Amino acid sequence: MSDLIDDPAPGENAPEFSVSELSGAVKRVVEGEFGFVRVRGEVGRVSRPRSGHIYLDLKDDRAVLAGVIWKGVSQRLAVQPEEGMEVVATGRLTTFPGQSRYQIVIDDVKPAGVGALMALLEKRKKALAAEGLFDEARKKRRPYLPEIIGVVTSPSGAVIRDILHRLRDRFPRKVLIWPVAVQGDRCAPEVARAIEGFNRLTPGGALPRPDLLIVARGGGSVEDLWGFNEEIVVRAVAASQIPLISAVGHETDTNLIDFAADVRAPTPTAAAELAVPVRLDLLAWFDNQEARLTHALTKGISDRGQRLRDLARALPRVETLLDGPRQRLDGWAERLPNALTRSVQLRRVQLFECSGALRPGLLRRAWESDRRRLETAVGRLSTGAIERDIERKSRDLSTLSRRLSDAGTRQVQRWRERIDGLERLRETVGYEATLRRGYAVVRGDGGVVTTKAAAEQAGALEIEFADGRLPVVSGGGGAVKRGKPKPDAPDQGSLF
């Protein structure tokens, strides 16, 4: 009987699950243990299907975590995730039974360390703004149609291709490319050197200086774009003499180079659009202006012609203008003969009146009257009257001369008396008069001796009296010897 019943194989009494049941059980366990989590990692693959959802991978150096952001959540995100960006994702951990994998349903995404970076960025922005590097007054106006455009960017990226393509489509210009690193430690110094190098070029030289600069880079994380927030780049942009357009990152990216640049473009393509106008639009504008000018000239001539015709209609006819002057001329022609005859008659009467006063008898009487007046005047000017006048003036001159001589004599006498008085006063106050009253002046060693001690110390003494000087030689111990008298010499000294 035991041979007819097989023994159950190991595990055959374990409960059976369907695939869906097992997947649901795993889902409940995962969601129960990790309901709400925050995960930090680098964004890997990013997919944006037409549904509006975002599918991405979060990875580190050892593992990969799938993630999904539903359409409603993606529209509210302040920062859209991009490949290579390091982020902190917040959401619910769950499983996707359709592919037997676990994933995170993300509710929010923020760049990792963005708080510290943004705080540093804001501090640096305020410091540079305080120096005036961001002032609108120092920004330069870009040329409308530059001949040469300098581009500072990576030569191998899609940015330079977009710029060249856009320039070629709008208005082909000469482009000088300065290759630089647009990410990493070498980014900031190379960009600064490129801007300074373009400014050092000579206008019109073998390598001409550009009329406009474009600093361009594609989008990226705050860390990727950090080179364009460095102080060395901002100062190089502010010091540039060439107008500069900043086209770093996407439209939502804001870097310090954007504040220092003369113009900020949202994208590199937009920078090329700002650099040059559209050639076809410019030609169309010129054609339009030419047409407007032609129309304006034609209309102006037409309006002036119409105005001239209107004014001509308001003017009287030529025949009417000449009727009045012609009539006045006829009247004057009729009056002219009578006026000439009357004028001749008046002139004849005046001539007769003047000729009547010019008869010989009248002229003779006038001449006799003038001759008598002349003789009377000559009689008044006889020699005796002149001589009497000269004699009278001579007497007056003699009187004045005597008065002047007497006054001069008196003045000289007064001056002489005053001088004698001053001389007597001088003699009174001089020391010679004092000497005559019995005083003497003692001198020793070239100076006046005024004390006994000075006399004892002197090697030789000299005494001046009223009638002369007496040398005295000191013999030591107070003994005095008489020397040879010296002649008088006027001097001043002490009296005793």
Protein backbone atom coordinates (compact mmCIF):
# COMPACT_ATOMS: atom_id res chain seq x y z
CA MET A 1 0.00 0.00 0.00
CA SER A 2 2.84 2.37 0.81
CA ASP A 3 4.28 1.64 -2.56
CA LEU A 4 1.14 2.96 -4.25
CA ILE A 5 1.42 6.48 -2.53
CA ASP A 6 4.45 8.62 -3.42
CA ASP A 7 6.04 10.72 -0.70
CA PRO A 8 5.64 14.50 -1.26
CA ALA A 9 8.72 16.26 -2.55
CA PRO A 10 10.29 18.89 -0.34
CA GLY A 11 8.43 22.23 -0.59
CA GLU A 12 5.37 20.84 -2.27
CA ASN A 13 3.26 21.75 0.75
CA ALA A 14 4.31 25.50 0.49
CA PRO A 15 1.49 27.89 -0.60
CA GLU A 16 1.39 28.89 -4.22
CA PHE A 17 1.35 32.61 -5.31
CA SER A 18 0.54 34.14 -8.60
CA VAL A 19 2.99 36.57 -10.12
CA SER A 20 0.70 39.49 -9.39
CA GLU A 21 0.19 38.40 -5.79
CA LEU A 22 3.91 38.12 -5.22
CA SER A 23 4.60 41.45 -6.89
CA GLY A 24 1.88 43.08 -4.78
CA ALA A 25 3.34 41.59 -1.62
CA VAL A 26 6.80 42.94 -2.47
CA LYS A 27 5.26 46.33 -3.27
CA ARG A 28 3.55 46.48 0.12
CA VAL A 29 6.74 45.53 1.94
CA VAL A 30 8.84 48.14 0.11
CA GLU A 31 6.29 50.92 0.53
CA GLY A 32 5.80 49.99 4.17
CA GLU A 33 9.49 50.11 5.00
CA PHE A 34 10.41 53.13 2.81
CA GLY A 35 7.26 55.21 2.56
CA PHE A 36 8.92 58.64 2.29
CA VAL A 37 12.65 59.10 1.59
CA ARG A 38 15.22 61.69 0.43
CA VAL A 39 17.85 60.38 -1.96
CA ARG A 40 21.02 62.18 -3.11
CA GLY A 41 22.65 61.19 -6.36
CA GLU A 42 23.65 62.19 -9.85
CA VAL A 43 21.01 62.37 -12.54
CA GLY A 44 21.75 59.82 -15.24
CA ARG A 45 19.49 59.06 -18.15
CA VAL A 46 16.58 61.53 -18.51
CA SER A 47 13.56 60.75 -20.68
CA ARG A 48 10.67 63.11 -21.41
CA PRO A 49 7.95 61.34 -23.42
CA ARG A 50 5.01 63.18 -24.95
CA SER A 51 2.87 62.28 -21.94
CA GLY A 52 4.66 64.98 -19.92
CA HIS A 53 6.09 62.62 -17.31
CA ILE A 54 9.83 62.53 -16.62
CA TYR A 55 11.72 59.27 -16.25
CA LEU A 56 15.26 59.38 -14.93
CA ASP A 57 17.98 57.46 -13.13
CA LEU A 58 19.65 58.46 -9.87
CA LYS A 59 23.08 56.93 -9.52
CA ASP A 60 26.23 56.92 -7.49
CA ASP A 61 29.46 55.02 -8.01
CA ARG A 62 27.91 51.67 -7.07
CA ALA A 63 24.15 51.59 -7.73
CA VAL A 64 21.35 53.01 -9.87
CA LEU A 65 17.82 53.91 -8.73
CA ALA A 66 15.04 54.44 -11.24
CA GLY A 67 12.78 57.45 -10.70
CA VAL A 68 9.65 58.96 -12.16
CA ILE A 69 8.17 62.44 -11.92
CA TRP A 70 4.55 62.69 -12.87
CA LYS A 71 3.41 65.46 -15.21
CA GLY A 72 1.64 67.50 -12.54
CA VAL A 73 4.71 67.48 -10.32
CA SER A 74 7.17 68.25 -13.14
CA GLN A 75 5.30 71.45 -13.99
CA ARG A 76 5.75 72.71 -10.43
CA LEU A 77 9.48 72.04 -10.16
CA ALA A 78 11.71 75.11 -9.79
CA VAL A 79 14.69 73.25 -11.27
CA GLN A 80 14.23 70.76 -14.09
CA PRO A 81 16.52 67.71 -13.74
CA GLU A 82 19.21 67.35 -16.39
CA GLU A 83 21.77 64.68 -17.04
CA GLY A 84 24.89 65.10 -14.94
CA MET A 85 23.22 67.27 -12.28
CA GLU A 86 23.69 66.24 -8.64
CA VAL A 87 20.37 66.50 -6.86
CA VAL A 88 18.50 65.61 -3.72
CA ALA A 89 15.20 63.91 -4.67
CA THR A 90 12.29 63.58 -2.24
CA GLY A 91 9.54 61.01 -2.80
CA ARG A 92 8.03 57.61 -2.14
CA LEU A 93 9.86 54.34 -2.77
CA THR A 94 7.72 51.80 -4.59
CA THR A 95 7.93 49.00 -7.15
CA PHE A 96 6.92 48.70 -10.78
CA PRO A 97 5.53 45.18 -11.18
CA GLY A 98 5.43 45.46 -14.96
CA GLN A 99 9.24 45.32 -15.12
CA SER A 100 10.02 43.72 -11.75
CA ARG A 101 11.95 46.71 -10.46
CA TYR A 102 11.74 49.20 -7.66
CA GLN A 103 11.71 52.94 -8.21
CA ILE A 104 11.13 56.27 -6.49
CA VAL A 105 8.16 58.46 -7.29
CA ILE A 106 9.68 61.92 -6.93
CA ASP A 107 7.70 64.82 -5.46
CA ASP A 108 10.53 67.43 -5.38
CA VAL A 109 14.03 67.84 -6.82
CA LYS A 110 16.66 70.30 -5.61
CA PRO A 111 20.30 70.64 -6.57
CA ALA A 112 22.60 69.12 -3.97
CA GLY A 113 24.39 71.79 -1.97
CA VAL A 114 22.55 74.54 -3.77
CA GLY A 115 21.86 76.38 -0.52
CA ALA A 116 25.51 76.91 0.26
CA LEU A 117 26.35 77.76 -3.35
CA MET A 118 23.50 80.23 -3.65
CA ALA A 119 24.46 81.92 -0.38
CA LEU A 120 28.04 82.32 -1.63
CA LEU A 121 26.76 83.56 -4.97
CA GLU A 122 24.51 86.17 -3.32
CA LYS A 123 27.33 87.42 -1.10
CA ARG A 124 29.68 87.79 -4.04
CA LYS A 125 26.99 89.51 -6.08
CA LYS A 126 26.42 92.17 -3.38
CA ALA A 127 30.17 92.82 -3.01
CA LEU A 128 30.71 93.30 -6.75
CA ALA A 129 27.56 95.39 -7.10
CA ALA A 130 28.84 97.69 -4.34
CA GLU A 131 31.93 98.36 -6.48
CA GLY A 132 29.71 99.50 -9.36
CA LEU A 133 30.56 96.63 -11.71
CA PHE A 134 26.87 96.01 -12.44
CA ASP A 135 25.82 99.66 -12.95
CA GLU A 136 23.77 100.37 -16.05
CA ALA A 137 25.69 103.61 -16.64
CA ARG A 138 28.92 101.74 -17.47
CA LYS A 139 27.33 99.34 -19.95
CA LYS A 140 28.32 99.93 -23.58
CA ARG A 141 26.00 99.99 -26.55
CA ARG A 142 26.54 97.11 -28.94
CA PRO A 143 27.16 97.91 -32.62
CA TYR A 144 24.21 97.48 -34.93
CA LEU A 145 26.19 95.56 -37.56
CA PRO A 146 29.63 94.46 -36.33
CA GLU A 147 32.28 93.56 -38.90
CA ILE A 148 34.05 90.99 -36.69
CA ILE A 149 32.55 88.97 -33.83
CA GLY A 150 34.68 87.27 -31.19
CA VAL A 151 33.24 84.12 -29.55
CA VAL A 152 34.59 82.71 -26.27
CA THR A 153 33.39 79.12 -25.89
CA SER A 154 34.33 75.48 -26.32
CA PRO A 155 35.23 74.72 -29.95
CA SER A 156 33.87 71.18 -29.80
CA GLY A 157 30.40 71.73 -28.37
CA ALA A 158 27.07 72.34 -30.03
CA VAL A 159 27.08 75.96 -28.83
CA ILE A 160 29.56 77.22 -31.42
CA ARG A 161 27.77 75.34 -34.19
CA ASP A 162 24.47 76.94 -33.20
CA ILE A 163 26.03 80.42 -33.13
CA LEU A 164 27.74 80.02 -36.52
CA HIS A 165 24.61 78.54 -38.05
CA ARG A 166 22.45 81.40 -36.77
CA LEU A 167 24.93 84.05 -37.94
CA ARG A 168 25.10 82.44 -41.37
CA ASP A 169 21.31 82.44 -41.64
CA ARG A 170 20.82 86.03 -40.44
CA PHE A 171 23.82 88.05 -41.65
CA PRO A 172 27.18 86.36 -42.38
CA ARG A 173 30.04 88.03 -40.46
CA LYS A 174 33.68 87.24 -39.74
CA VAL A 175 33.97 85.22 -36.52
CA LEU A 176 37.07 84.75 -34.33
CA ILE A 177 36.82 81.81 -31.89
CA TRP A 178 38.89 81.70 -28.70
CA PRO A 179 38.68 78.12 -27.41
CA VAL A 180 38.29 77.77 -23.63
CA ALA A 181 37.15 75.20 -21.10
CA VAL A 182 33.55 75.95 -20.13
CA GLN A 183 33.51 73.72 -17.05
CA GLY A 184 35.89 72.82 -14.26
CA ASP A 185 38.83 74.51 -12.64
CA ARG A 186 40.29 75.83 -15.91
CA CYS A 187 37.09 77.56 -16.95
CA ALA A 188 37.36 80.88 -15.09
CA PRO A 189 41.03 81.74 -15.84
CA GLU A 190 40.75 80.74 -19.49
CA VAL A 191 37.57 82.78 -20.03
CA ALA A 192 39.15 85.83 -18.34
CA ARG A 193 42.31 85.50 -20.46
CA ALA A 194 40.23 85.17 -23.62
CA ILE A 195 38.33 88.41 -22.92
CA GLU A 196 41.55 90.27 -22.09
CA GLY A 197 43.26 88.80 -25.17
CA PHE A 198 40.52 90.00 -27.52
CA ASN A 199 40.76 93.51 -26.00
CA ARG A 200 44.53 93.59 -26.57
CA LEU A 201 44.22 92.99 -30.30
CA THR A 202 44.97 95.98 -32.54
CA PRO A 203 42.06 97.33 -34.60
CA GLY A 204 42.80 96.79 -38.28
CA GLY A 205 45.87 94.61 -37.56
CA ALA A 206 46.82 91.27 -39.03
CA LEU A 207 44.44 89.71 -36.51
CA PRO A 208 41.87 92.52 -36.11
CA ARG A 209 40.13 93.25 -32.85
CA PRO A 210 36.45 92.21 -32.80
CA ASP A 211 33.68 94.77 -32.67
CA LEU A 212 31.55 92.52 -30.42
CA LEU A 213 32.23 89.62 -28.03
CA ILE A 214 29.99 86.66 -27.17
CA VAL A 215 30.72 84.46 -24.14
CA ALA A 216 28.61 81.33 -24.57
CA ARG A 217 27.99 77.96 -22.93
CA GLY A 218 25.15 75.48 -22.85
CA GLY A 219 23.03 74.67 -19.84
CA GLY A 220 24.12 72.76 -16.78
CA SER A 221 23.99 72.60 -13.01
CA VAL A 222 25.07 75.37 -10.71
CA GLU A 223 28.36 73.55 -10.20
CA ASP A 224 28.89 73.25 -13.97
CA LEU A 225 28.26 76.96 -14.51
CA TRP A 226 30.18 78.06 -11.43
CA GLY A 227 33.21 79.16 -13.46
CA PHE A 228 31.14 82.04 -14.86
CA ASN A 229 30.39 83.23 -11.31
CA GLU A 230 34.07 83.65 -10.44
CA GLU A 231 35.28 87.16 -9.59
CA ILE A 232 38.10 87.05 -12.15
CA VAL A 233 35.58 86.55 -14.97
CA VAL A 234 33.26 89.30 -13.73
CA ARG A 235 36.11 91.82 -13.50
CA ALA A 236 37.39 90.90 -16.97
CA VAL A 237 33.91 91.45 -18.43
CA ALA A 238 33.51 94.78 -16.62
CA ALA A 239 36.93 95.97 -17.85
CA SER A 240 36.30 94.99 -21.48
CA GLN A 241 36.38 97.89 -23.92
CA ILE A 242 34.52 95.76 -26.47
CA PRO A 243 30.73 95.39 -26.01
CA LEU A 244 30.03 91.89 -24.66
CA ILE A 245 26.98 89.60 -24.80
CA SER A 246 26.63 86.93 -22.11
CA ALA A 247 24.96 83.71 -23.27
CA VAL A 248 25.74 81.22 -20.49
CA GLY A 249 23.27 78.46 -19.68
CA HIS A 250 19.57 78.34 -20.34
CA GLU A 251 17.10 81.16 -19.87
CA THR A 252 16.45 80.16 -16.25
CA ASP A 253 20.17 80.18 -15.38
CA THR A 254 21.45 83.42 -13.86
CA ASN A 255 25.18 83.95 -13.41
CA LEU A 256 27.24 86.91 -12.27
CA ILE A 257 28.65 87.32 -15.78
CA ASP A 258 25.12 88.21 -16.90
CA PHE A 259 25.04 91.24 -14.56
CA ALA A 260 28.47 92.51 -15.66
CA ALA A 261 27.89 91.98 -19.39
CA ASP A 262 26.54 94.76 -21.58
CA VAL A 263 23.75 92.49 -22.87
CA ARG A 264 22.41 89.16 -21.55
CA ALA A 265 21.06 86.60 -24.00
CA PRO A 266 18.87 83.74 -22.75
CA THR A 267 20.64 81.19 -25.00
CA PRO A 268 23.69 81.12 -27.30
CA THR A 269 21.37 81.11 -30.29
CA ALA A 270 19.66 84.22 -28.99
CA ALA A 271 23.08 85.84 -28.58
CA ALA A 272 23.74 85.36 -32.29
CA GLU A 273 20.33 86.89 -33.02
CA LEU A 274 21.18 89.91 -30.87
CA ALA A 275 24.59 90.30 -32.51
CA VAL A 276 23.41 90.90 -36.08
CA PRO A 277 20.15 91.83 -37.78
CA VAL A 278 18.47 89.67 -40.40
CA ARG A 279 19.98 90.55 -43.77
CA LEU A 280 16.78 89.95 -45.69
CA ASP A 281 14.78 92.01 -43.20
CA LEU A 282 17.35 94.80 -43.49
CA LEU A 283 17.16 94.73 -47.29
CA ALA A 284 13.37 94.72 -47.10
CA TRP A 285 13.52 97.65 -44.69
CA PHE A 286 15.76 99.57 -47.09
CA ASP A 287 13.40 98.81 -49.97
CA ASN A 288 10.48 99.95 -47.86
CA GLN A 289 12.31 103.13 -46.86
CA GLU A 290 13.18 103.82 -50.49
CA ALA A 291 9.56 103.36 -51.50
CA ARG A 292 8.41 105.60 -48.67
CA LEU A 293 10.96 108.24 -49.64
CA THR A 294 9.89 108.14 -53.29
CA HIS A 295 6.24 108.35 -52.29
CA ALA A 296 6.97 111.21 -49.90
CA LEU A 297 8.87 113.17 -52.58
CA THR A 298 6.14 112.55 -55.16
CA LYS A 299 3.41 113.52 -52.76
CA GLY A 300 5.36 116.61 -51.64
CA ILE A 301 5.77 117.81 -55.23
CA SER A 302 2.12 117.09 -55.95
CA ASP A 303 0.95 118.95 -52.83
CA ARG A 304 3.12 121.96 -53.65
CA GLY A 305 1.84 122.00 -57.24
CA GLN A 306 -1.73 121.95 -56.01
CA ARG A 307 -0.93 124.72 -53.53
CA LEU A 308 0.63 126.80 -56.29
CA ARG A 309 -2.43 126.34 -58.45
CA ASP A 310 -4.69 127.36 -55.55
CA LEU A 311 -2.66 130.50 -54.95
CA ALA A 312 -2.63 131.29 -58.66
CA ARG A 313 -6.42 131.21 -58.74
CA ALA A 314 -6.52 133.72 -55.86
CA LEU A 315 -4.25 136.19 -57.74
CA PRO A 316 -5.81 138.82 -60.09
CA ARG A 317 -5.19 138.73 -63.85
CA VAL A 318 -2.12 140.45 -65.27
CA GLU A 319 -4.22 142.87 -67.32
CA THR A 320 -6.11 143.87 -64.19
CA LEU A 321 -2.88 144.55 -62.32
CA LEU A 322 -1.71 146.98 -65.08
CA ASP A 323 -4.98 148.92 -65.47
CA GLY A 324 -4.46 151.19 -62.47
CA PRO A 325 -0.79 152.06 -63.08
CA ARG A 326 -1.55 152.72 -66.79
CA GLN A 327 -4.37 155.13 -65.88
CA ARG A 328 -2.18 156.99 -63.38
CA LEU A 329 0.57 157.28 -65.99
CA ASP A 330 -1.84 158.87 -68.44
CA GLY A 331 -2.95 161.42 -65.82
CA TRP A 332 0.63 162.38 -64.97
CA ALA A 333 1.46 162.72 -68.69
CA GLU A 334 -1.37 165.26 -69.09
CA ARG A 335 -0.31 167.28 -66.02
CA LEU A 336 3.41 167.35 -66.82
CA PRO A 337 3.47 170.22 -69.47
CA ASN A 338 1.50 172.59 -67.24
CA ALA A 339 3.66 171.73 -64.26
CA LEU A 340 6.86 172.45 -66.20
CA THR A 341 5.53 175.84 -67.43
CA ARG A 342 4.49 176.85 -63.91
CA SER A 343 7.87 175.84 -62.49
CA VAL A 344 9.75 177.97 -65.10
CA GLN A 345 7.61 181.01 -64.30
CA LEU A 346 8.29 180.69 -60.55
CA ARG A 347 12.03 180.40 -61.15
CA ARG A 348 11.96 183.54 -63.39
CA VAL A 349 10.22 185.60 -60.70
CA GLN A 350 12.78 184.55 -58.11
CA LEU A 351 15.60 185.51 -60.50
CA PHE A 352 14.18 188.99 -61.05
CA GLU A 353 13.89 189.56 -57.30
CA CYS A 354 17.51 188.54 -56.72
CA SER A 355 18.88 190.63 -59.68
CA GLY A 356 17.11 193.78 -58.38
CA ALA A 357 19.29 193.76 -55.24
CA LEU A 358 22.50 193.58 -57.34
CA ARG A 359 22.45 197.16 -58.89
CA PRO A 360 25.84 199.13 -58.99
CA GLY A 361 24.67 201.92 -56.72
CA LEU A 362 23.65 199.51 -53.98
CA LEU A 363 26.96 197.64 -54.27
CA ARG A 364 28.91 200.92 -54.07
CA ARG A 365 27.11 202.06 -50.91
CA ALA A 366 27.76 198.71 -49.24
CA TRP A 367 31.46 198.96 -50.13
CA GLU A 368 31.74 202.48 -48.66
CA SER A 369 30.12 201.33 -45.40
CA ASP A 370 32.54 198.46 -45.03
CA ARG A 371 35.54 200.74 -45.75
CA ARG A 372 34.53 203.16 -42.99
CA ARG A 373 34.18 200.36 -40.46
CA LEU A 374 37.69 199.16 -41.37
CA GLU A 375 39.25 202.64 -40.88
CA THR A 376 37.62 202.91 -37.46
CA ALA A 377 39.08 199.60 -36.39
CA VAL A 378 42.57 200.60 -37.61
CA GLY A 379 42.39 203.84 -35.62
CA ARG A 380 41.69 201.88 -32.49
CA LEU A 381 44.85 199.81 -33.09
CA SER A 382 47.33 202.85 -33.10
CA THR A 383 51.02 202.55 -31.92
CA GLY A 384 50.56 204.76 -28.87
CA ALA A 385 47.88 202.56 -27.35
CA ILE A 386 50.07 199.50 -27.80
CA GLU A 387 53.09 201.22 -26.21
CA ARG A 388 51.00 202.35 -23.23
CA ASP A 389 49.77 198.83 -22.74
CA ILE A 390 53.36 197.48 -22.84
CA GLU A 391 54.52 200.07 -20.29
CA ARG A 392 51.71 199.20 -17.91
CA LYS A 393 52.49 195.49 -18.09
CA SER A 394 56.24 196.21 -17.52
CA ARG A 395 55.44 198.05 -14.28
CA ASP A 396 53.31 195.15 -13.12
CA LEU A 397 56.15 192.73 -13.89
CA SER A 398 58.69 194.79 -11.90
CA THR A 399 56.35 194.88 -8.90
CA LEU A 400 55.88 191.13 -8.96
CA SER A 401 59.68 190.57 -9.24
CA ARG A 402 60.39 192.68 -6.14
CA ARG A 403 57.73 190.90 -4.15
CA LEU A 404 59.14 187.52 -5.16
CA SER A 405 62.75 188.58 -4.22
CA ASP A 406 61.66 189.86 -0.81
CA ALA A 407 59.69 186.70 -0.07
CA GLY A 408 62.68 184.52 -1.03
CA THR A 409 65.07 186.50 1.18
CA ARG A 410 62.75 186.18 4.17
CA GLN A 411 62.31 182.43 3.64
CA VAL A 412 66.11 181.86 3.44
CA GLN A 413 66.61 183.89 6.63
CA ARG A 414 64.03 181.77 8.49
CA TRP A 415 65.70 178.53 7.34
CA ARG A 416 69.15 179.82 8.45
CA GLU A 417 67.83 180.72 11.92
CA ARG A 418 66.23 177.29 12.26
CA ILE A 419 69.49 175.52 11.30
CA ASP A 420 71.47 177.62 13.89
CA GLY A 421 69.00 176.63 16.56
CA LEU A 422 69.26 172.93 15.70
CA GLU A 423 73.09 173.17 15.80
CA ARG A 424 72.99 174.70 19.27
CA LEU A 425 70.61 171.95 20.40
CA ARG A 426 72.96 169.29 19.01
CA GLU A 427 75.93 170.74 20.87
CA THR A 428 73.89 170.89 24.07
CA VAL A 429 72.89 167.20 24.01
CA GLY A 430 76.34 165.92 22.80
CA TYR A 431 78.84 164.41 25.18
CA GLU A 432 81.58 166.94 24.22
CA ALA A 433 79.73 169.64 26.15
CA THR A 434 79.62 167.29 29.15
CA LEU A 435 83.40 166.80 28.87
CA ARG A 436 83.88 170.59 29.06
CA ARG A 437 82.02 170.55 32.36
CA GLY A 438 84.74 168.32 33.93
CA TYR A 439 83.74 164.77 32.93
CA ALA A 440 85.89 162.19 31.05
CA VAL A 441 85.40 158.95 28.99
CA VAL A 442 87.46 155.82 29.87
CA ARG A 443 88.15 153.20 27.18
CA GLY A 444 89.98 149.91 27.47
CA ASP A 445 90.70 146.96 25.16
CA GLY A 446 88.74 148.54 22.32
CA GLY A 447 85.59 149.28 24.32
CA VAL A 448 84.18 151.74 26.87
CA VAL A 449 84.97 150.85 30.51
CA THR A 450 82.05 151.54 32.85
CA THR A 451 83.05 149.63 36.05
CA LYS A 452 86.08 149.33 38.32
CA ALA A 453 86.32 145.60 37.76
CA ALA A 454 86.45 146.08 34.01
CA ALA A 455 89.21 148.68 34.42
CA GLU A 456 91.30 146.28 36.55
CA GLN A 457 90.95 143.54 33.93
CA ALA A 458 91.88 145.80 30.98
CA GLY A 459 95.46 145.63 29.69
CA ALA A 460 95.51 149.33 28.69
CA LEU A 461 93.23 152.28 29.36
CA GLU A 462 92.59 155.54 27.55
CA ILE A 463 90.98 158.62 29.13
CA GLU A 464 89.30 161.24 26.95
CA PHE A 465 89.08 164.84 28.30
CA ALA A 466 87.59 167.92 26.76
CA ASP A 467 90.96 168.93 25.31
CA GLY A 468 92.24 165.47 24.22
CA ARG A 469 92.87 161.78 25.07
CA LEU A 470 95.44 160.41 27.56
CA PRO A 471 96.69 156.77 27.16
CA VAL A 472 97.27 154.89 30.45
CA VAL A 473 99.17 151.56 30.57
CA SER A 474 98.23 149.17 33.41
CA GLY A 475 101.22 147.95 35.44
CA GLY A 476 99.38 145.21 37.38
CA GLY A 477 98.26 145.26 40.99
CA GLY A 478 96.32 148.43 40.37
CA ALA A 479 99.39 150.53 39.39
CA VAL A 480 98.91 152.76 36.39
CA LYS A 481 101.54 154.23 34.08
CA ARG A 482 101.06 157.18 31.85
CA GLY A 483 101.42 156.67 28.15
CA LYS A 484 101.87 159.02 25.20
CA PRO A 485 98.88 161.31 24.67
CA LYS A 486 96.78 160.61 21.56
CA PRO A 487 95.09 163.28 19.45
CA ASP A 488 91.42 163.93 19.93
CA ALA A 489 89.05 161.51 18.21
CA PRO A 490 85.34 161.96 18.49
CA ASP A 491 83.60 158.97 20.10
CA GLN A 492 80.98 158.24 22.68
CA GLY A 493 81.58 156.42 25.97
CA SER A 494 80.96 156.47 29.67
CA LEU A 495 81.31 159.76 31.55
CA PHE A 496 82.67 160.08 35.07
